[in-house]
Amino acid sequence: MPERVLLVYGTTEGHTAKIAKYMSEVLTERGDNVEVADVRELAHYDLRAYSAVLVGASMHVGKHDAKIRDFVAKTVADLNRLPSAFFSVSLTAASKKTWRACRC
């Protein structure tokens, strides 16, 4: 049975939006009904209509998007009740300077 999934994201430079779109395409191919929403355009936070929620946010200077933090704080009871997951996007982790520093 297809799941009804909300994939909400917060992005600064657009990379998190691209990842959210890709995740939506994969889930849709699997047969799920996925609604993708930019947290800045999300009119309401009623999650009762969904069977799962995915939340994604970009990270800048060690903090996630403020609107995503607000969304999570306001919906924490529903997020704990539903299958949910959080993904974090940080371009700093991909920089050459970071890789040199960690000597991976």
PDB file of N, CA and C in Angstrom:
ATOM      1  N   MET A   1       0.842  -1.180   0.000  1.00  0.00           N
ATOM      2  CA  MET A   1       0.000   0.000   0.000  1.00  0.00           C
ATOM      3  C   MET A   1       0.890   1.247   0.000  1.00  0.00           C
ATOM      4  N   PRO A   2       0.629   2.201  -0.898  1.00  0.00           N
ATOM      5  CA  PRO A   2       1.454   3.403  -0.964  1.00  0.00           C
ATOM      6  C   PRO A   2       1.323   4.251   0.302  1.00  0.00           C
ATOM      7  N   GLU A   3       2.426   4.818   0.679  1.00  0.00           N
ATOM      8  CA  GLU A   3       2.457   5.712   1.828  1.00  0.00           C
ATOM      9  C   GLU A   3       2.187   7.142   1.351  1.00  0.00           C
ATOM     10  N   ARG A   4       1.620   7.963   2.228  1.00  0.00           N
ATOM     11  CA  ARG A   4       1.486   9.393   1.957  1.00  0.00           C
ATOM     12  C   ARG A   4       2.566  10.079   2.772  1.00  0.00           C
ATOM     13  N   VAL A   5       3.573  10.607   2.085  1.00  0.00           N
ATOM     14  CA  VAL A   5       4.769  11.130   2.727  1.00  0.00           C
ATOM     15  C   VAL A   5       4.866  12.640   2.525  1.00  0.00           C
ATOM     16  N   LEU A   6       5.161  13.339   3.619  1.00  0.00           N
ATOM     17  CA  LEU A   6       5.487  14.761   3.530  1.00  0.00           C
ATOM     18  C   LEU A   6       6.996  14.876   3.609  1.00  0.00           C
ATOM     19  N   LEU A   7       7.578  15.545   2.627  1.00  0.00           N
ATOM     20  CA  LEU A   7       9.014  15.800   2.621  1.00  0.00           C
ATOM     21  C   LEU A   7       9.173  17.320   2.692  1.00  0.00           C
ATOM     22  N   VAL A   8       9.480  17.813   3.875  1.00  0.00           N
ATOM     23  CA  VAL A   8       9.615  19.256   4.091  1.00  0.00           C
ATOM     24  C   VAL A   8      11.093  19.593   4.255  1.00  0.00           C
ATOM     25  N   TYR A   9      11.503  20.705   3.647  1.00  0.00           N
ATOM     26  CA  TYR A   9      12.911  21.052   3.684  1.00  0.00           C
ATOM     27  C   TYR A   9      13.096  22.555   3.872  1.00  0.00           C
ATOM     28  N   GLY A  10      14.267  22.914   4.355  1.00  0.00           N
ATOM     29  CA  GLY A  10      14.701  24.301   4.437  1.00  0.00           C
ATOM     30  C   GLY A  10      16.030  24.401   3.725  1.00  0.00           C
ATOM     31  N   THR A  11      16.158  25.367   2.832  1.00  0.00           N
ATOM     32  CA  THR A  11      17.376  25.491   2.037  1.00  0.00           C
ATOM     33  C   THR A  11      17.813  26.937   1.961  1.00  0.00           C
ATOM     34  N   THR A  12      19.092  27.138   1.842  1.00  0.00           N
ATOM     35  CA  THR A  12      19.636  28.489   1.703  1.00  0.00           C
ATOM     36  C   THR A  12      20.110  28.723   0.279  1.00  0.00           C
ATOM     37  N   GLU A  13      20.848  27.778  -0.244  1.00  0.00           N
ATOM     38  CA  GLU A  13      21.423  27.946  -1.576  1.00  0.00           C
ATOM     39  C   GLU A  13      20.833  26.991  -2.602  1.00  0.00           C
ATOM     40  N   GLY A  14      19.839  26.211  -2.207  1.00  0.00           N
ATOM     41  CA  GLY A  14      19.140  25.350  -3.154  1.00  0.00           C
ATOM     42  C   GLY A  14      19.564  23.896  -3.180  1.00  0.00           C
ATOM     43  N   HIS A  15      20.660  23.552  -2.510  1.00  0.00           N
ATOM     44  CA  HIS A  15      21.140  22.173  -2.555  1.00  0.00           C
ATOM     45  C   HIS A  15      20.201  21.214  -1.824  1.00  0.00           C
ATOM     46  N   THR A  16      19.670  21.635  -0.695  1.00  0.00           N
ATOM     47  CA  THR A  16      18.742  20.782   0.053  1.00  0.00           C
ATOM     48  C   THR A  16      17.471  20.555  -0.755  1.00  0.00           C
ATOM     49  N   ALA A  17      17.018  21.566  -1.474  1.00  0.00           N
ATOM     50  CA  ALA A  17      15.843  21.420  -2.342  1.00  0.00           C
ATOM     51  C   ALA A  17      16.098  20.382  -3.425  1.00  0.00           C
ATOM     52  N   LYS A  18      17.298  20.397  -4.007  1.00  0.00           N
ATOM     53  CA  LYS A  18      17.633  19.417  -5.044  1.00  0.00           C
ATOM     54  C   LYS A  18      17.634  17.998  -4.474  1.00  0.00           C
ATOM     55  N   ILE A  19      18.184  17.845  -3.293  1.00  0.00           N
ATOM     56  CA  ILE A  19      18.220  16.526  -2.650  1.00  0.00           C
ATOM     57  C   ILE A  19      16.803  16.070  -2.316  1.00  0.00           C
ATOM     58  N   ALA A  20      15.974  16.980  -1.807  1.00  0.00           N
ATOM     59  CA  ALA A  20      14.578  16.650  -1.488  1.00  0.00           C
ATOM     60  C   ALA A  20      13.825  16.216  -2.745  1.00  0.00           C
ATOM     61  N   LYS A  21      14.048  16.917  -3.853  1.00  0.00           N
ATOM     62  CA  LYS A  21      13.389  16.556  -5.113  1.00  0.00           C
ATOM     63  C   LYS A  21      13.814  15.154  -5.547  1.00  0.00           C
ATOM     64  N   TYR A  22      15.111  14.863  -5.451  1.00  0.00           N
ATOM     65  CA  TYR A  22      15.607  13.535  -5.828  1.00  0.00           C
ATOM     66  C   TYR A  22      14.985  12.452  -4.925  1.00  0.00           C
ATOM     67  N   MET A  23      14.949  12.702  -3.632  1.00  0.00           N
ATOM     68  CA  MET A  23      14.350  11.735  -2.705  1.00  0.00           C
ATOM     69  C   MET A  23      12.880  11.509  -3.052  1.00  0.00           C
ATOM     70  N   SER A  24      12.185  12.580  -3.395  1.00  0.00           N
ATOM     71  CA  SER A  24      10.776  12.475  -3.784  1.00  0.00           C
ATOM     72  C   SER A  24      10.609  11.600  -5.022  1.00  0.00           C
ATOM     73  N   GLU A  25      11.498  11.781  -6.002  1.00  0.00           N
ATOM     74  CA  GLU A  25      11.428  10.979  -7.228  1.00  0.00           C
ATOM     75  C   GLU A  25      11.632   9.500  -6.925  1.00  0.00           C
ATOM     76  N   VAL A  26      12.586   9.182  -6.060  1.00  0.00           N
ATOM     77  CA  VAL A  26      12.847   7.790  -5.693  1.00  0.00           C
ATOM     78  C   VAL A  26      11.636   7.191  -4.985  1.00  0.00           C
ATOM     79  N   LEU A  27      11.068   7.926  -4.040  1.00  0.00           N
ATOM     80  CA  LEU A  27       9.899   7.417  -3.299  1.00  0.00           C
ATOM     81  C   LEU A  27       8.682   7.280  -4.210  1.00  0.00           C
ATOM     82  N   THR A  28       8.513   8.205  -5.147  1.00  0.00           N
ATOM     83  CA  THR A  28       7.393   8.141  -6.086  1.00  0.00           C
ATOM     84  C   THR A  28       7.526   6.925  -6.998  1.00  0.00           C
ATOM     85  N   GLU A  29       8.753   6.665  -7.467  1.00  0.00           N
ATOM     86  CA  GLU A  29       8.991   5.473  -8.294  1.00  0.00           C
ATOM     87  C   GLU A  29       8.672   4.203  -7.520  1.00  0.00           C
ATOM     88  N   ARG A  30       8.854   4.251  -6.218  1.00  0.00           N
ATOM     89  CA  ARG A  30       8.554   3.112  -5.345  1.00  0.00           C
ATOM     90  C   ARG A  30       7.050   2.930  -5.153  1.00  0.00           C
ATOM     91  N   GLY A  31       6.294   3.971  -5.498  1.00  0.00           N
ATOM     92  CA  GLY A  31       4.840   3.887  -5.400  1.00  0.00           C
ATOM     93  C   GLY A  31       4.225   4.757  -4.320  1.00  0.00           C
ATOM     94  N   ASP A  32       5.039   5.519  -3.613  1.00  0.00           N
ATOM     95  CA  ASP A  32       4.513   6.381  -2.559  1.00  0.00           C
ATOM     96  C   ASP A  32       3.977   7.687  -3.141  1.00  0.00           C
ATOM     97  N   ASN A  33       3.058   8.298  -2.419  1.00  0.00           N
ATOM     98  CA  ASN A  33       2.514   9.607  -2.763  1.00  0.00           C
ATOM     99  C   ASN A  33       3.276  10.628  -1.923  1.00  0.00           C
ATOM    100  N   VAL A  34       4.116  11.429  -2.556  1.00  0.00           N
ATOM    101  CA  VAL A  34       5.013  12.331  -1.838  1.00  0.00           C
ATOM    102  C   VAL A  34       4.650  13.779  -2.117  1.00  0.00           C
ATOM    103  N   GLU A  35       4.496  14.539  -1.048  1.00  0.00           N
ATOM    104  CA  GLU A  35       4.301  15.984  -1.149  1.00  0.00           C
ATOM    105  C   GLU A  35       5.587  16.649  -0.668  1.00  0.00           C
ATOM    106  N   VAL A  36       6.197  17.439  -1.534  1.00  0.00           N
ATOM    107  CA  VAL A  36       7.427  18.152  -1.192  1.00  0.00           C
ATOM    108  C   VAL A  36       7.063  19.594  -0.881  1.00  0.00           C
ATOM    109  N   ALA A  37       7.579  20.111   0.250  1.00  0.00           N
ATOM    110  CA  ALA A  37       7.231  21.473   0.657  1.00  0.00           C
ATOM    111  C   ALA A  37       8.447  22.207   1.203  1.00  0.00           C
ATOM    112  N   ASP A  38       8.669  23.397   0.682  1.00  0.00           N
ATOM    113  CA  ASP A  38       9.660  24.304   1.249  1.00  0.00           C
ATOM    114  C   ASP A  38       9.051  24.835   2.544  1.00  0.00           C
ATOM    115  N   VAL A  39       9.751  24.733   3.647  1.00  0.00           N
ATOM    116  CA  VAL A  39       9.211  25.127   4.947  1.00  0.00           C
ATOM    117  C   VAL A  39       8.759  26.589   4.938  1.00  0.00           C
ATOM    118  N   ARG A  40       9.386  27.429   4.111  1.00  0.00           N
ATOM    119  CA  ARG A  40       8.998  28.840   4.039  1.00  0.00           C
ATOM    120  C   ARG A  40       7.639  29.026   3.388  1.00  0.00           C
ATOM    121  N   GLU A  41       7.183  28.025   2.628  1.00  0.00           N
ATOM    122  CA  GLU A  41       5.906  28.116   1.933  1.00  0.00           C
ATOM    123  C   GLU A  41       4.838  27.212   2.537  1.00  0.00           C
ATOM    124  N   LEU A  42       5.183  26.495   3.593  1.00  0.00           N
ATOM    125  CA  LEU A  42       4.249  25.566   4.222  1.00  0.00           C
ATOM    126  C   LEU A  42       3.225  26.363   5.022  1.00  0.00           C
ATOM    127  N   ALA A  43       1.964  26.281   4.613  1.00  0.00           N
ATOM    128  CA  ALA A  43       0.920  27.103   5.227  1.00  0.00           C
ATOM    129  C   ALA A  43       0.477  26.585   6.593  1.00  0.00           C
ATOM    130  N   HIS A  44       0.568  25.274   6.799  1.00  0.00           N
ATOM    131  CA  HIS A  44       0.105  24.700   8.070  1.00  0.00           C
ATOM    132  C   HIS A  44       1.000  23.537   8.452  1.00  0.00           C
ATOM    133  N   TYR A  45       0.867  23.130   9.680  1.00  0.00           N
ATOM    134  CA  TYR A  45       1.721  22.047  10.183  1.00  0.00           C
ATOM    135  C   TYR A  45       0.905  20.838  10.614  1.00  0.00           C
ATOM    136  N   ASP A  46      -0.269  20.609  10.035  1.00  0.00           N
ATOM    137  CA  ASP A  46      -1.099  19.467  10.413  1.00  0.00           C
ATOM    138  C   ASP A  46      -0.582  18.205   9.717  1.00  0.00           C
ATOM    139  N   LEU A  47       0.059  17.357  10.488  1.00  0.00           N
ATOM    140  CA  LEU A  47       0.694  16.170   9.908  1.00  0.00           C
ATOM    141  C   LEU A  47      -0.192  14.927   9.974  1.00  0.00           C
ATOM    142  N   ARG A  48      -1.411  15.065  10.465  1.00  0.00           N
ATOM    143  CA  ARG A  48      -2.277  13.879  10.628  1.00  0.00           C
ATOM    144  C   ARG A  48      -2.645  13.215   9.306  1.00  0.00           C
ATOM    145  N   ALA A  49      -2.523  13.940   8.203  1.00  0.00           N
ATOM    146  CA  ALA A  49      -2.888  13.378   6.899  1.00  0.00           C
ATOM    147  C   ALA A  49      -1.775  12.528   6.289  1.00  0.00           C
ATOM    148  N   TYR A  50      -0.630  12.464   6.947  1.00  0.00           N
ATOM    149  CA  TYR A  50       0.527  11.762   6.386  1.00  0.00           C
ATOM    150  C   TYR A  50       0.842  10.505   7.175  1.00  0.00           C
ATOM    151  N   SER A  51       1.427   9.544   6.473  1.00  0.00           N
ATOM    152  CA  SER A  51       1.835   8.316   7.152  1.00  0.00           C
ATOM    153  C   SER A  51       3.320   8.326   7.504  1.00  0.00           C
ATOM    154  N   ALA A  52       4.055   9.306   6.964  1.00  0.00           N
ATOM    155  CA  ALA A  52       5.476   9.455   7.286  1.00  0.00           C
ATOM    156  C   ALA A  52       5.914  10.879   6.940  1.00  0.00           C
ATOM    157  N   VAL A  53       6.964  11.336   7.619  1.00  0.00           N
ATOM    158  CA  VAL A  53       7.485  12.688   7.378  1.00  0.00           C
ATOM    159  C   VAL A  53       9.008  12.630   7.287  1.00  0.00           C
ATOM    160  N   LEU A  54       9.537  13.272   6.259  1.00  0.00           N
ATOM    161  CA  LEU A  54      10.972  13.447   6.117  1.00  0.00           C
ATOM    162  C   LEU A  54      11.268  14.940   6.220  1.00  0.00           C
ATOM    163  N   VAL A  55      12.276  15.294   6.983  1.00  0.00           N
ATOM    164  CA  VAL A  55      12.630  16.693   7.187  1.00  0.00           C
ATOM    165  C   VAL A  55      14.091  16.870   6.814  1.00  0.00           C
ATOM    166  N   GLY A  56      14.374  17.889   6.006  1.00  0.00           N
ATOM    167  CA  GLY A  56      15.748  18.159   5.621  1.00  0.00           C
ATOM    168  C   GLY A  56      16.088  19.615   5.800  1.00  0.00           C
ATOM    169  N   ALA A  57      17.344  19.875   6.154  1.00  0.00           N
ATOM    170  CA  ALA A  57      17.770  21.255   6.355  1.00  0.00           C
ATOM    171  C   ALA A  57      19.229  21.424   6.004  1.00  0.00           C
ATOM    172  N   SER A  58      19.516  22.599   5.475  1.00  0.00           N
ATOM    173  CA  SER A  58      20.910  22.953   5.270  1.00  0.00           C
ATOM    174  C   SER A  58      21.486  23.441   6.589  1.00  0.00           C
ATOM    175  N   MET A  59      22.785  23.339   6.689  1.00  0.00           N
ATOM    176  CA  MET A  59      23.465  23.781   7.904  1.00  0.00           C
ATOM    177  C   MET A  59      24.462  24.872   7.540  1.00  0.00           C
ATOM    178  N   HIS A  60      24.399  25.962   8.274  1.00  0.00           N
ATOM    179  CA  HIS A  60      25.328  27.070   8.090  1.00  0.00           C
ATOM    180  C   HIS A  60      25.842  27.514   9.441  1.00  0.00           C
ATOM    181  N   VAL A  61      27.132  27.632   9.567  1.00  0.00           N
ATOM    182  CA  VAL A  61      27.805  28.059  10.799  1.00  0.00           C
ATOM    183  C   VAL A  61      27.311  27.225  11.987  1.00  0.00           C
ATOM    184  N   GLY A  62      27.178  25.918  11.748  1.00  0.00           N
ATOM    185  CA  GLY A  62      26.829  25.002  12.823  1.00  0.00           C
ATOM    186  C   GLY A  62      25.375  24.977  13.227  1.00  0.00           C
ATOM    187  N   LYS A  63      24.500  25.653  12.490  1.00  0.00           N
ATOM    188  CA  LYS A  63      23.074  25.671  12.840  1.00  0.00           C
ATOM    189  C   LYS A  63      22.224  25.343  11.625  1.00  0.00           C
ATOM    190  N   HIS A  64      21.126  24.633  11.906  1.00  0.00           N
ATOM    191  CA  HIS A  64      20.155  24.351  10.851  1.00  0.00           C
ATOM    192  C   HIS A  64      19.246  25.559  10.660  1.00  0.00           C
ATOM    193  N   ASP A  65      18.589  25.590   9.517  1.00  0.00           N
ATOM    194  CA  ASP A  65      17.648  26.644   9.158  1.00  0.00           C
ATOM    195  C   ASP A  65      16.665  26.902  10.303  1.00  0.00           C
ATOM    196  N   ALA A  66      16.471  28.163  10.670  1.00  0.00           N
ATOM    197  CA  ALA A  66      15.601  28.540  11.799  1.00  0.00           C
ATOM    198  C   ALA A  66      14.157  28.091  11.574  1.00  0.00           C
ATOM    199  N   LYS A  67      13.668  28.197  10.345  1.00  0.00           N
ATOM    200  CA  LYS A  67      12.279  27.790  10.087  1.00  0.00           C
ATOM    201  C   LYS A  67      12.107  26.286  10.237  1.00  0.00           C
ATOM    202  N   ILE A  68      13.122  25.509   9.903  1.00  0.00           N
ATOM    203  CA  ILE A  68      13.053  24.061  10.132  1.00  0.00           C
ATOM    204  C   ILE A  68      13.066  23.781  11.622  1.00  0.00           C
ATOM    205  N   ARG A  69      13.915  24.475  12.365  1.00  0.00           N
ATOM    206  CA  ARG A  69      13.936  24.287  13.824  1.00  0.00           C
ATOM    207  C   ARG A  69      12.563  24.598  14.412  1.00  0.00           C
ATOM    208  N   ASP A  70      11.914  25.665  13.944  1.00  0.00           N
ATOM    209  CA  ASP A  70      10.564  26.009  14.415  1.00  0.00           C
ATOM    210  C   ASP A  70       9.560  24.926  14.032  1.00  0.00           C
ATOM    211  N   PHE A  71       9.646  24.445  12.791  1.00  0.00           N
ATOM    212  CA  PHE A  71       8.743  23.390  12.325  1.00  0.00           C
ATOM    213  C   PHE A  71       8.864  22.152  13.213  1.00  0.00           C
ATOM    214  N   VAL A  72      10.097  21.736  13.478  1.00  0.00           N
ATOM    215  CA  VAL A  72      10.321  20.548  14.303  1.00  0.00           C
ATOM    216  C   VAL A  72       9.795  20.779  15.721  1.00  0.00           C
ATOM    217  N   ALA A  73      10.052  21.945  16.287  1.00  0.00           N
ATOM    218  CA  ALA A  73       9.582  22.241  17.648  1.00  0.00           C
ATOM    219  C   ALA A  73       8.057  22.211  17.727  1.00  0.00           C
ATOM    220  N   LYS A  74       7.380  22.725  16.714  1.00  0.00           N
ATOM    221  CA  LYS A  74       5.908  22.785  16.727  1.00  0.00           C
ATOM    222  C   LYS A  74       5.256  21.441  16.419  1.00  0.00           C
ATOM    223  N   THR A  75       5.988  20.545  15.752  1.00  0.00           N
ATOM    224  CA  THR A  75       5.384  19.273  15.334  1.00  0.00           C
ATOM    225  C   THR A  75       6.034  18.065  15.991  1.00  0.00           C
ATOM    226  N   VAL A  76       6.816  18.283  17.033  1.00  0.00           N
ATOM    227  CA  VAL A  76       7.593  17.194  17.628  1.00  0.00           C
ATOM    228  C   VAL A  76       6.710  16.021  18.071  1.00  0.00           C
ATOM    229  N   ALA A  77       5.530  16.280  18.587  1.00  0.00           N
ATOM    230  CA  ALA A  77       4.648  15.181  19.015  1.00  0.00           C
ATOM    231  C   ALA A  77       4.259  14.310  17.823  1.00  0.00           C
ATOM    232  N   ASP A  78       3.891  14.933  16.712  1.00  0.00           N
ATOM    233  CA  ASP A  78       3.546  14.168  15.509  1.00  0.00           C
ATOM    234  C   ASP A  78       4.762  13.458  14.927  1.00  0.00           C
ATOM    235  N   LEU A  79       5.913  14.132  14.920  1.00  0.00           N
ATOM    236  CA  LEU A  79       7.133  13.510  14.399  1.00  0.00           C
ATOM    237  C   LEU A  79       7.523  12.287  15.222  1.00  0.00           C
ATOM    238  N   ASN A  80       7.271  12.331  16.520  1.00  0.00           N
ATOM    239  CA  ASN A  80       7.560  11.171  17.365  1.00  0.00           C
ATOM    240  C   ASN A  80       6.544  10.057  17.168  1.00  0.00           C
ATOM    241  N   ARG A  81       5.330  10.403  16.776  1.00  0.00           N
ATOM    242  CA  ARG A  81       4.263   9.421  16.572  1.00  0.00           C
ATOM    243  C   ARG A  81       4.389   8.723  15.213  1.00  0.00           C
ATOM    244  N   LEU A  82       4.809   9.470  14.207  1.00  0.00           N
ATOM    245  CA  LEU A  82       4.903   8.949  12.840  1.00  0.00           C
ATOM    246  C   LEU A  82       6.304   8.423  12.539  1.00  0.00           C
ATOM    247  N   PRO A  83       6.411   7.528  11.571  1.00  0.00           N
ATOM    248  CA  PRO A  83       7.753   7.233  11.070  1.00  0.00           C
ATOM    249  C   PRO A  83       8.315   8.541  10.490  1.00  0.00           C
ATOM    250  N   SER A  84       9.479   8.931  10.922  1.00  0.00           N
ATOM    251  CA  SER A  84      10.059  10.190  10.455  1.00  0.00           C
ATOM    252  C   SER A  84      11.577  10.074  10.421  1.00  0.00           C
ATOM    253  N   ALA A  85      12.171  10.955   9.626  1.00  0.00           N
ATOM    254  CA  ALA A  85      13.627  10.988   9.518  1.00  0.00           C
ATOM    255  C   ALA A  85      14.058  12.409   9.214  1.00  0.00           C
ATOM    256  N   PHE A  86      15.304  12.709   9.577  1.00  0.00           N
ATOM    257  CA  PHE A  86      15.876  14.031   9.349  1.00  0.00           C
ATOM    258  C   PHE A  86      17.158  13.872   8.548  1.00  0.00           C
ATOM    259  N   PHE A  87      17.325  14.707   7.528  1.00  0.00           N
ATOM    260  CA  PHE A  87      18.594  14.711   6.812  1.00  0.00           C
ATOM    261  C   PHE A  87      19.168  16.119   6.808  1.00  0.00           C
ATOM    262  N   SER A  88      20.467  16.171   6.933  1.00  0.00           N
ATOM    263  CA  SER A  88      21.183  17.432   7.066  1.00  0.00           C
ATOM    264  C   SER A  88      22.151  17.590   5.900  1.00  0.00           C
ATOM    265  N   VAL A  89      22.214  18.806   5.329  1.00  0.00           N
ATOM    266  CA  VAL A  89      23.081  19.071   4.192  1.00  0.00           C
ATOM    267  C   VAL A  89      24.085  20.151   4.590  1.00  0.00           C
ATOM    268  N   SER A  90      25.358  19.826   4.441  1.00  0.00           N
ATOM    269  CA  SER A  90      26.415  20.772   4.770  1.00  0.00           C
ATOM    270  C   SER A  90      27.468  20.738   3.677  1.00  0.00           C
ATOM    271  N   LEU A  91      27.601  21.827   2.963  1.00  0.00           N
ATOM    272  CA  LEU A  91      28.616  21.872   1.911  1.00  0.00           C
ATOM    273  C   LEU A  91      30.015  22.006   2.498  1.00  0.00           C
ATOM    274  N   THR A  92      30.122  22.460   3.719  1.00  0.00           N
ATOM    275  CA  THR A  92      31.428  22.540   4.366  1.00  0.00           C
ATOM    276  C   THR A  92      32.052  21.158   4.464  1.00  0.00           C
ATOM    277  N   ALA A  93      31.234  20.160   4.730  1.00  0.00           N
ATOM    278  CA  ALA A  93      31.738  18.795   4.857  1.00  0.00           C
ATOM    279  C   ALA A  93      32.330  18.301   3.539  1.00  0.00           C
ATOM    280  N   ALA A  94      31.953  18.909   2.438  1.00  0.00           N
ATOM    281  CA  ALA A  94      32.444  18.482   1.136  1.00  0.00           C
ATOM    282  C   ALA A  94      33.649  19.287   0.655  1.00  0.00           C
ATOM    283  N   SER A  95      34.054  20.282   1.429  1.00  0.00           N
ATOM    284  CA  SER A  95      35.150  21.137   0.967  1.00  0.00           C
ATOM    285  C   SER A  95      36.497  20.430   1.056  1.00  0.00           C
ATOM    286  N   LYS A  96      37.411  20.805   0.182  1.00  0.00           N
ATOM    287  CA  LYS A  96      38.751  20.217   0.187  1.00  0.00           C
ATOM    288  C   LYS A  96      39.463  20.515   1.496  1.00  0.00           C
ATOM    289  N   LYS A  97      39.244  21.708   2.036  1.00  0.00           N
ATOM    290  CA  LYS A  97      39.886  22.081   3.304  1.00  0.00           C
ATOM    291  C   LYS A  97      39.469  21.126   4.414  1.00  0.00           C
ATOM    292  N   THR A  98      38.172  20.796   4.479  1.00  0.00           N
ATOM    293  CA  THR A  98      37.669  19.876   5.497  1.00  0.00           C
ATOM    294  C   THR A  98      38.297  18.499   5.327  1.00  0.00           C
ATOM    295  N   TRP A  99      38.359  18.014   4.084  1.00  0.00           N
ATOM    296  CA  TRP A  99      38.926  16.683   3.846  1.00  0.00           C
ATOM    297  C   TRP A  99      40.404  16.636   4.199  1.00  0.00           C
ATOM    298  N   ARG A 100      41.132  17.704   3.903  1.00  0.00           N
ATOM    299  CA  ARG A 100      42.548  17.747   4.275  1.00  0.00           C
ATOM    300  C   ARG A 100      42.703  17.747   5.789  1.00  0.00           C
ATOM    301  N   ALA A 101      41.826  18.462   6.480  1.00  0.00           N
ATOM    302  CA  ALA A 101      41.915  18.562   7.934  1.00  0.00           C
ATOM    303  C   ALA A 101      41.644  17.226   8.618  1.00  0.00           C
ATOM    304  N   CYS A 102      40.705  16.430   8.048  1.00  0.00           N
ATOM    305  CA  CYS A 102      40.364  15.160   8.712  1.00  0.00           C
ATOM    306  C   CYS A 102      41.289  14.024   8.290  1.00  0.00           C
ATOM    307  N   ARG A 103      42.077  14.219   7.234  1.00  0.00           N
ATOM    308  CA  ARG A 103      43.022  13.223   6.723  1.00  0.00           C
ATOM    309  C   ARG A 103      42.341  11.871   6.457  1.00  0.00           C
ATOM    310  N   CYS A 104      41.156  11.940   5.873  1.00  0.00           N
ATOM    311  CA  CYS A 104      40.365  10.733   5.590  1.00  0.00           C
ATOM    312  C   CYS A 104      40.942   9.950   4.431  1.00  0.00           C
TER     313      CYS A 104
END
